[in-house]
Every structure is written in C-alpha cells, then in structure tokens.
Amino acid sequence: MMKNKSLVSINDFTREEHIRILELAGAFEKRPKQRILEDYVVATLFFEPSTRTRLSFESAATRLGARVIGFSDSSSSSVTKGETLRDTILTVSNYCDIIVMRHPKEGSARFASEVAGVPVINAGDGANQHPTQTLLDLYSIRKTQGSLDNLNVAFVGDLKYGRTVHSLVQALCNYNTTFHLISPLELKLPSSVKSSIKERNLEYTQSTDLQNIISSVDILYMTRIQKERFSDPLDYEKVKNAYVLRNNMLAGAKSNLKILHPLPRVNEITTDVDDNPMAYYFTQALNGVFVRQALLASILGVVE
C-alpha cells in the first residue's frame, strides 16, 4: 500500500510498487484529465530552480483537479528571514495534503518526511536522489523497449553528482541490467552507488569513451556536466565538454536505441539529434506528467 507513504529514495518503494506506478501512469496517459483530486491541496516547495519537475508536478495535480500552493524560488519564502526547514515544513503541513519538495542539501527530503504531518515526495535533494525522475525514466524505458529486463544501458557524463543517475542505477538493479558507465575520471559513479550493482552481481563496464559503446546499447542516458555542483570553476572548465553526442555518431546504433536525458541539456546533445527517431528526451519529459499523476493519486489513496 502506497497510501500516505513518502517517497524520498527510489528504494522507499518496492519493485512491485514501481511497476504499479508505471501501470497507473499508462492509464493516466490514456486519460490524463480526471477530477479525482478536487478535495486535495498539493504544496510544491522548490528551494532550488526547476522547470520540468515543478511544472510537470503542477500540471499533474491540476489535471486531476487538485489545488496547488507553494513557491518556485526560496527568495520569495520566509527562508530569507531565517526560517528553518523544520519550521517551513511544519507550517506548510497545515495547509496541504502532500508536499513535493526540491532542496539543494542532501538529506533534506528525508528530514522533511520525518517532521511533516503529510507525505513528502522528493523532487531532488542535492546530488543525492531524484526518485520521481527515475520512475518516469523507467516508464520511458519500458514503453520504448517493451521490458525493463535484460537491457544494456549506458550512463554518460556526470555520474558523480548526477542524482538522476544515482536513483536510476539503483532502480535498474532490480532487473537484469548490464551497465556501461561513461564519464571523465573526475566524475565516476560513486562507490556507494556502484555497490548496488556489485551486490546484485550484475555486469558493468567503466570507460571514458562514448563512441565505442553506442553500437551495443539499448538505452543511452546522457547527462549534462552540472556547473552548480562544482566549488572550483576551473574544475568545471576541464570537463564541461567531455561528451557531445552528434547525429553522425548514431550511424551504427541498434534500431531500438533510445536516447534519454533528464534535461536541461547544455551542449552534450547537438540539435541535429533531435529529429532522429532515436531521440526520446522530450517525450520522456512528457511522460513525467503521467507518472507524477500516478504518484499523487496513489499516495493520496485515491487509487490503489
């Protein structure tokens, strides 16, 4: 049962619950406008900038009839007056039925879920986790590949700070996934995340070479090098253009290959890729609305 259950880490939900969310998302994709949350208030608290995640959550909520309150910039909240996260969460809990929160500090979402009087959905906490992105990624993979099992998945770019990568790697460890980890040496997947792969005895490769892996994978998951995660601008300058995917690089790819990206992109996928049938990242973003509808409806107990 997912009713009243917070989603902070992708591991807070079982594999069976993940699948149930994906099935519900499929139903919402077929019928996205249903007034089943008319009696509910959803609070979106974004202490860190967001376009797709915030707007897709708000779209998901309003399409289901819910009212949305909150802020998209912490400078417009009492945080600027020195209010603690604890006090913000305790206060907002009085005004809503569920909280969707993004915060730059790792562990903030877990803390919020422990003090809130309502369920909390983590919309990204620093470089830690982004579980709702993971669920829409799983939905996109299953929809395009017909299954989540026995796939070759390449993760490219910022694997050290990429919270979308961390969450998705952990989720795909529930399936017979072969991982290909492509990154600069400075941005390798953290050992704490890689341990999930090793514990399941799954195959993985590590490399700094993107071109050589394209012909053998089913999913190519591109990520941007995140400037905001670097304390030293010079370190960012060294790796910012480490990987750039161009359309001519896809000539030898498998016919079923799909290119995913959590967005926003900077320059790691050139615009000439956009018209290639393998490019799926904009549809991937749309899938987020249906997955987040499924999450809101499930956690609020409107559907089972």
Protein backbone atom coordinates (compact mmCIF):
# COMPACT_ATOMS: atom_id res chain seq x y z
CA MET A 1 0.00 0.00 0.00
CA MET A 2 1.40 3.37 -1.05
CA LYS A 3 -1.26 5.47 0.70
CA ASN A 4 0.30 8.17 2.93
CA LYS A 5 3.77 6.83 2.14
CA SER A 6 6.55 9.34 1.49
CA LEU A 7 8.86 8.87 -1.49
CA VAL A 8 12.33 10.12 -0.58
CA SER A 9 14.56 7.46 -2.13
CA ILE A 10 13.73 5.21 -5.05
CA ASN A 11 14.27 2.33 -2.61
CA ASP A 12 11.39 3.52 -0.42
CA PHE A 13 9.08 1.76 -2.87
CA THR A 14 9.43 -1.90 -3.75
CA ARG A 15 9.90 -3.24 -7.26
CA GLU A 16 6.22 -4.24 -7.23
CA GLU A 17 5.22 -0.71 -6.24
CA HIS A 18 7.39 0.72 -9.01
CA ILE A 19 5.59 -1.48 -11.54
CA ARG A 20 2.21 -0.48 -10.14
CA ILE A 21 3.09 3.20 -10.60
CA LEU A 22 4.14 2.52 -14.20
CA GLU A 23 0.86 0.71 -14.88
CA LEU A 24 -1.15 3.56 -13.39
CA ALA A 25 0.87 6.06 -15.42
CA GLY A 26 -0.13 4.17 -18.56
CA ALA A 27 -3.78 4.56 -17.60
CA PHE A 28 -3.33 8.29 -16.98
CA GLU A 29 -1.59 8.69 -20.33
CA LYS A 30 -4.73 7.35 -21.98
CA ARG A 31 -6.98 9.59 -19.84
CA PRO A 32 -4.96 12.42 -18.26
CA LYS A 33 -7.85 14.65 -17.21
CA GLN A 34 -9.79 13.26 -14.26
CA ARG A 35 -11.18 15.32 -11.37
CA ILE A 36 -10.21 12.79 -8.73
CA LEU A 37 -8.15 15.16 -6.54
CA GLU A 38 -10.64 18.02 -6.25
CA ASP A 39 -10.63 17.77 -2.45
CA TYR A 40 -6.85 17.89 -2.13
CA VAL A 41 -4.16 20.57 -1.89
CA VAL A 42 -0.65 19.89 -3.20
CA ALA A 43 2.23 22.05 -1.93
CA THR A 44 5.25 22.42 -4.22
CA LEU A 45 8.26 23.78 -2.33
CA PHE A 46 11.19 24.41 -4.67
CA PHE A 47 14.20 25.78 -2.83
CA GLU A 48 16.25 25.16 -5.98
CA PRO A 49 15.48 26.09 -9.63
CA SER A 50 13.39 23.69 -11.66
CA THR A 51 11.40 23.82 -14.87
CA ARG A 52 10.30 20.31 -15.89
CA THR A 53 9.92 18.75 -12.45
CA ARG A 54 7.96 21.62 -10.92
CA LEU A 55 5.75 22.29 -13.93
CA SER A 56 5.05 18.62 -14.57
CA PHE A 57 4.03 18.12 -10.93
CA GLU A 58 1.78 21.17 -11.09
CA SER A 59 0.37 20.01 -14.42
CA ALA A 60 -0.23 16.53 -12.99
CA ALA A 61 -2.02 17.96 -9.95
CA THR A 62 -4.20 20.45 -11.81
CA ARG A 63 -5.20 17.92 -14.48
CA LEU A 64 -6.53 15.80 -11.63
CA GLY A 65 -8.40 18.73 -10.10
CA ALA A 66 -6.13 19.47 -7.13
CA ARG A 67 -5.24 22.94 -5.94
CA VAL A 68 -1.55 23.82 -5.94
CA ILE A 69 0.21 26.13 -3.49
CA GLY A 70 3.89 26.79 -2.84
CA PHE A 71 6.86 28.63 -4.26
CA SER A 72 9.34 28.21 -7.09
CA ASP A 73 12.06 30.33 -5.53
CA SER A 74 13.07 30.27 -1.88
CA SER A 75 13.78 34.01 -2.05
CA SER A 76 10.01 34.52 -2.06
CA SER A 77 9.59 32.49 1.14
CA SER A 78 10.35 33.10 4.80
CA VAL A 79 13.65 31.29 4.33
CA THR A 80 15.07 34.73 3.52
CA LYS A 81 14.07 35.80 7.04
CA GLY A 82 16.00 32.92 8.56
CA GLU A 83 13.18 30.38 8.93
CA THR A 84 14.50 26.83 9.32
CA LEU A 85 13.50 23.98 7.03
CA ARG A 86 11.83 22.30 10.00
CA ASP A 87 9.60 25.27 10.68
CA THR A 88 8.76 25.69 6.99
CA ILE A 89 7.71 22.05 6.68
CA LEU A 90 5.71 22.05 9.93
CA THR A 91 3.88 25.18 8.82
CA VAL A 92 3.16 24.10 5.26
CA SER A 93 1.94 20.70 6.50
CA ASN A 94 -1.03 22.56 7.99
CA TYR A 95 -2.04 23.89 4.59
CA CYS A 96 -1.89 20.85 2.34
CA ASP A 97 -2.36 17.11 1.93
CA ILE A 98 1.01 16.33 0.36
CA ILE A 99 4.35 18.15 -0.11
CA VAL A 100 6.56 17.99 -3.19
CA MET A 101 9.98 19.41 -2.33
CA ARG A 102 13.27 20.16 -4.08
CA HIS A 103 16.18 21.32 -1.94
CA PRO A 104 19.91 21.76 -2.63
CA LYS A 105 21.00 19.97 0.55
CA GLU A 106 21.42 16.19 0.53
CA GLY A 107 19.24 14.53 3.16
CA SER A 108 16.79 17.43 3.31
CA ALA A 109 13.93 15.39 1.87
CA ARG A 110 14.40 12.61 4.41
CA PHE A 111 14.42 15.17 7.20
CA ALA A 112 11.26 16.80 5.81
CA SER A 113 9.47 13.45 5.66
CA GLU A 114 10.31 12.82 9.32
CA VAL A 115 8.87 16.11 10.58
CA ALA A 116 5.98 16.65 8.14
CA GLY A 117 2.43 15.81 9.08
CA VAL A 118 1.70 14.81 5.48
CA PRO A 119 3.52 12.63 2.91
CA VAL A 120 6.59 14.13 1.22
CA ILE A 121 7.75 13.48 -2.34
CA ASN A 122 11.41 14.19 -3.00
CA ALA A 123 11.78 16.24 -6.18
CA GLY A 124 15.57 16.23 -5.83
CA ASP A 125 17.84 16.73 -2.82
CA GLY A 126 21.25 17.99 -3.85
CA ALA A 127 23.35 15.35 -5.58
CA ASN A 128 21.58 12.56 -3.71
CA GLN A 129 18.30 11.27 -5.19
CA HIS A 130 15.57 12.16 -7.69
CA PRO A 131 13.11 9.25 -7.42
CA THR A 132 10.25 10.68 -9.48
CA GLN A 133 12.64 11.27 -12.39
CA THR A 134 13.68 7.65 -12.01
CA LEU A 135 10.09 6.45 -12.25
CA LEU A 136 9.47 8.43 -15.43
CA ASP A 137 12.77 7.08 -16.78
CA LEU A 138 11.63 3.53 -16.02
CA TYR A 139 8.30 4.30 -17.70
CA SER A 140 10.11 5.62 -20.78
CA ILE A 141 12.43 2.62 -20.94
CA ARG A 142 9.63 0.09 -20.58
CA LYS A 143 7.45 1.91 -23.08
CA THR A 144 10.16 2.02 -25.76
CA GLN A 145 11.80 -1.35 -25.12
CA GLY A 146 8.76 -3.39 -24.09
CA SER A 147 10.52 -4.56 -20.93
CA LEU A 148 12.87 -3.49 -18.15
CA ASP A 149 14.77 -6.76 -18.14
CA ASN A 150 17.92 -7.80 -20.00
CA LEU A 151 18.86 -4.37 -21.33
CA ASN A 152 22.21 -2.72 -21.96
CA VAL A 153 22.08 0.80 -20.51
CA ALA A 154 24.82 3.40 -20.89
CA PHE A 155 25.07 6.35 -18.50
CA VAL A 156 27.13 9.21 -19.88
CA GLY A 157 28.52 12.40 -18.33
CA ASP A 158 28.25 13.47 -14.72
CA LEU A 159 27.91 10.20 -12.83
CA LYS A 160 29.39 11.59 -9.62
CA TYR A 161 26.92 14.40 -8.88
CA GLY A 162 24.04 13.26 -11.11
CA ARG A 163 21.19 12.43 -8.74
CA THR A 164 19.08 11.15 -11.65
CA VAL A 165 21.84 8.65 -12.43
CA HIS A 166 22.18 7.51 -8.82
CA SER A 167 18.46 6.81 -8.48
CA LEU A 168 18.08 5.11 -11.87
CA VAL A 169 21.11 2.84 -11.39
CA GLN A 170 19.67 1.65 -8.08
CA ALA A 171 16.25 1.05 -9.62
CA LEU A 172 17.65 -0.87 -12.61
CA CYS A 173 19.49 -3.16 -10.23
CA ASN A 174 16.08 -4.79 -9.72
CA TYR A 175 16.34 -6.07 -13.28
CA ASN A 176 18.96 -7.98 -15.22
CA THR A 177 20.64 -4.81 -16.46
CA THR A 178 24.12 -4.53 -17.96
CA PHE A 179 25.53 -1.12 -17.09
CA HIS A 180 28.02 0.92 -19.14
CA LEU A 181 29.41 3.84 -17.14
CA ILE A 182 30.96 6.54 -19.32
CA SER A 183 32.46 9.57 -17.60
CA PRO A 184 35.59 11.62 -17.04
CA LEU A 185 37.75 10.10 -14.31
CA GLU A 186 36.83 13.02 -12.04
CA LEU A 187 33.11 12.27 -12.37
CA LYS A 188 32.95 8.49 -11.94
CA LEU A 189 29.93 6.84 -10.33
CA PRO A 190 30.35 6.93 -6.52
CA SER A 191 31.34 3.62 -4.95
CA SER A 192 28.26 3.80 -2.71
CA VAL A 193 26.05 3.62 -5.82
CA LYS A 194 28.25 1.14 -7.67
CA SER A 195 27.94 -1.20 -4.69
CA SER A 196 24.28 -1.69 -5.65
CA ILE A 197 25.44 -3.16 -8.97
CA LYS A 198 28.04 -5.38 -7.32
CA GLU A 199 25.66 -6.68 -4.66
CA ARG A 200 23.34 -7.97 -7.39
CA ASN A 201 26.26 -9.49 -9.32
CA LEU A 202 25.29 -7.51 -12.41
CA GLU A 203 27.67 -6.82 -15.25
CA TYR A 204 29.13 -3.37 -15.76
CA THR A 205 31.88 -1.62 -17.68
CA GLN A 206 33.62 1.68 -16.96
CA SER A 207 35.16 3.83 -19.66
CA THR A 208 35.90 7.37 -20.75
CA ASP A 209 34.95 6.58 -24.39
CA LEU A 210 31.42 7.28 -25.61
CA GLN A 211 31.67 6.36 -29.30
CA ASN A 212 32.74 2.75 -28.75
CA ILE A 213 29.70 1.90 -26.62
CA ILE A 214 26.91 3.34 -28.81
CA SER A 215 26.57 0.30 -31.09
CA SER A 216 25.93 -2.14 -28.23
CA VAL A 217 23.36 -0.40 -26.01
CA ASP A 218 19.57 -0.20 -25.90
CA ILE A 219 19.38 2.98 -23.84
CA LEU A 220 21.81 5.89 -24.00
CA TYR A 221 21.26 8.06 -20.93
CA MET A 222 23.02 11.38 -21.47
CA THR A 223 23.53 13.90 -18.67
CA ARG A 224 24.93 17.41 -18.51
CA ILE A 225 28.03 18.31 -16.55
CA GLN A 226 26.45 20.25 -13.69
CA LYS A 227 28.26 23.55 -13.21
CA GLU A 228 26.40 24.25 -9.98
CA ARG A 229 27.90 21.17 -8.29
CA PHE A 230 31.49 22.38 -8.70
CA SER A 231 33.04 24.53 -5.98
CA ASP A 232 36.00 25.37 -8.23
CA PRO A 233 35.09 26.87 -11.66
CA LEU A 234 38.38 25.61 -13.10
CA ASP A 235 37.42 22.01 -12.33
CA TYR A 236 34.19 22.55 -14.27
CA GLU A 237 36.01 24.07 -17.24
CA LYS A 238 38.18 20.95 -17.52
CA VAL A 239 35.25 18.59 -18.06
CA LYS A 240 32.31 20.68 -19.31
CA ASN A 241 32.60 19.49 -22.93
CA ALA A 242 33.77 15.97 -22.18
CA TYR A 243 30.95 14.36 -24.19
CA VAL A 244 28.95 15.76 -27.09
CA LEU A 245 26.56 13.42 -28.90
CA ARG A 246 26.14 14.26 -32.59
CA ASN A 247 23.76 12.69 -35.06
CA ASN A 248 26.52 11.15 -37.19
CA MET A 249 27.73 9.20 -34.15
CA LEU A 250 24.49 7.16 -34.21
CA ALA A 251 25.09 5.54 -37.61
CA GLY A 252 25.97 2.12 -36.17
CA ALA A 253 23.42 2.12 -33.35
CA LYS A 254 20.87 -0.64 -32.77
CA SER A 255 17.46 0.10 -34.30
CA ASN A 256 15.78 0.02 -30.91
CA LEU A 257 18.17 2.50 -29.30
CA LYS A 258 16.54 5.38 -27.46
CA ILE A 259 18.39 8.43 -26.19
CA LEU A 260 17.23 9.72 -22.82
CA HIS A 261 18.24 12.87 -20.96
CA PRO A 262 16.74 14.25 -17.72
CA LEU A 263 17.15 17.78 -19.15
CA PRO A 264 18.04 20.57 -19.25
CA ARG A 265 20.73 19.95 -21.83
CA VAL A 266 23.51 22.42 -22.43
CA ASN A 267 25.69 21.23 -25.30
CA GLU A 268 26.02 17.46 -24.67
CA ILE A 269 23.44 16.62 -27.36
CA THR A 270 23.57 18.68 -30.55
CA THR A 271 20.26 19.83 -32.03
CA ASP A 272 20.76 17.70 -35.16
CA VAL A 273 19.99 14.67 -32.97
CA ASP A 274 16.51 15.99 -32.16
CA ASP A 275 14.97 14.83 -35.44
CA ASN A 276 16.47 11.34 -35.17
CA PRO A 277 13.79 8.74 -34.21
CA MET A 278 16.18 7.55 -31.52
CA ALA A 279 15.85 10.87 -29.67
CA TYR A 280 13.29 10.41 -26.91
CA TYR A 281 14.13 13.06 -24.30
CA PHE A 282 11.24 15.45 -25.00
CA THR A 283 8.68 12.62 -24.91
CA GLN A 284 10.47 11.42 -21.76
CA ALA A 285 9.71 14.80 -20.18
CA LEU A 286 6.03 14.48 -21.13
CA ASN A 287 5.91 11.04 -19.52
CA GLY A 288 6.73 12.78 -16.25
CA VAL A 289 3.22 14.21 -16.06
CA PHE A 290 1.57 10.78 -16.20
CA VAL A 291 3.99 9.22 -13.70
CA ARG A 292 3.52 12.09 -11.26
CA GLN A 293 -0.25 11.80 -11.63
CA ALA A 294 0.08 8.14 -10.67
CA LEU A 295 2.23 9.02 -7.66
CA LEU A 296 -0.07 11.74 -6.34
CA ALA A 297 -3.18 9.60 -6.78
CA SER A 298 -1.55 6.56 -5.14
CA ILE A 299 -0.03 8.33 -2.14
CA LEU A 300 -3.22 10.29 -1.51
CA GLY A 301 -5.12 6.99 -1.60
CA VAL A 302 -7.45 7.87 -4.45
CA VAL A 303 -6.34 4.82 -6.44
CA GLU A 304 -4.69 1.58 -5.36
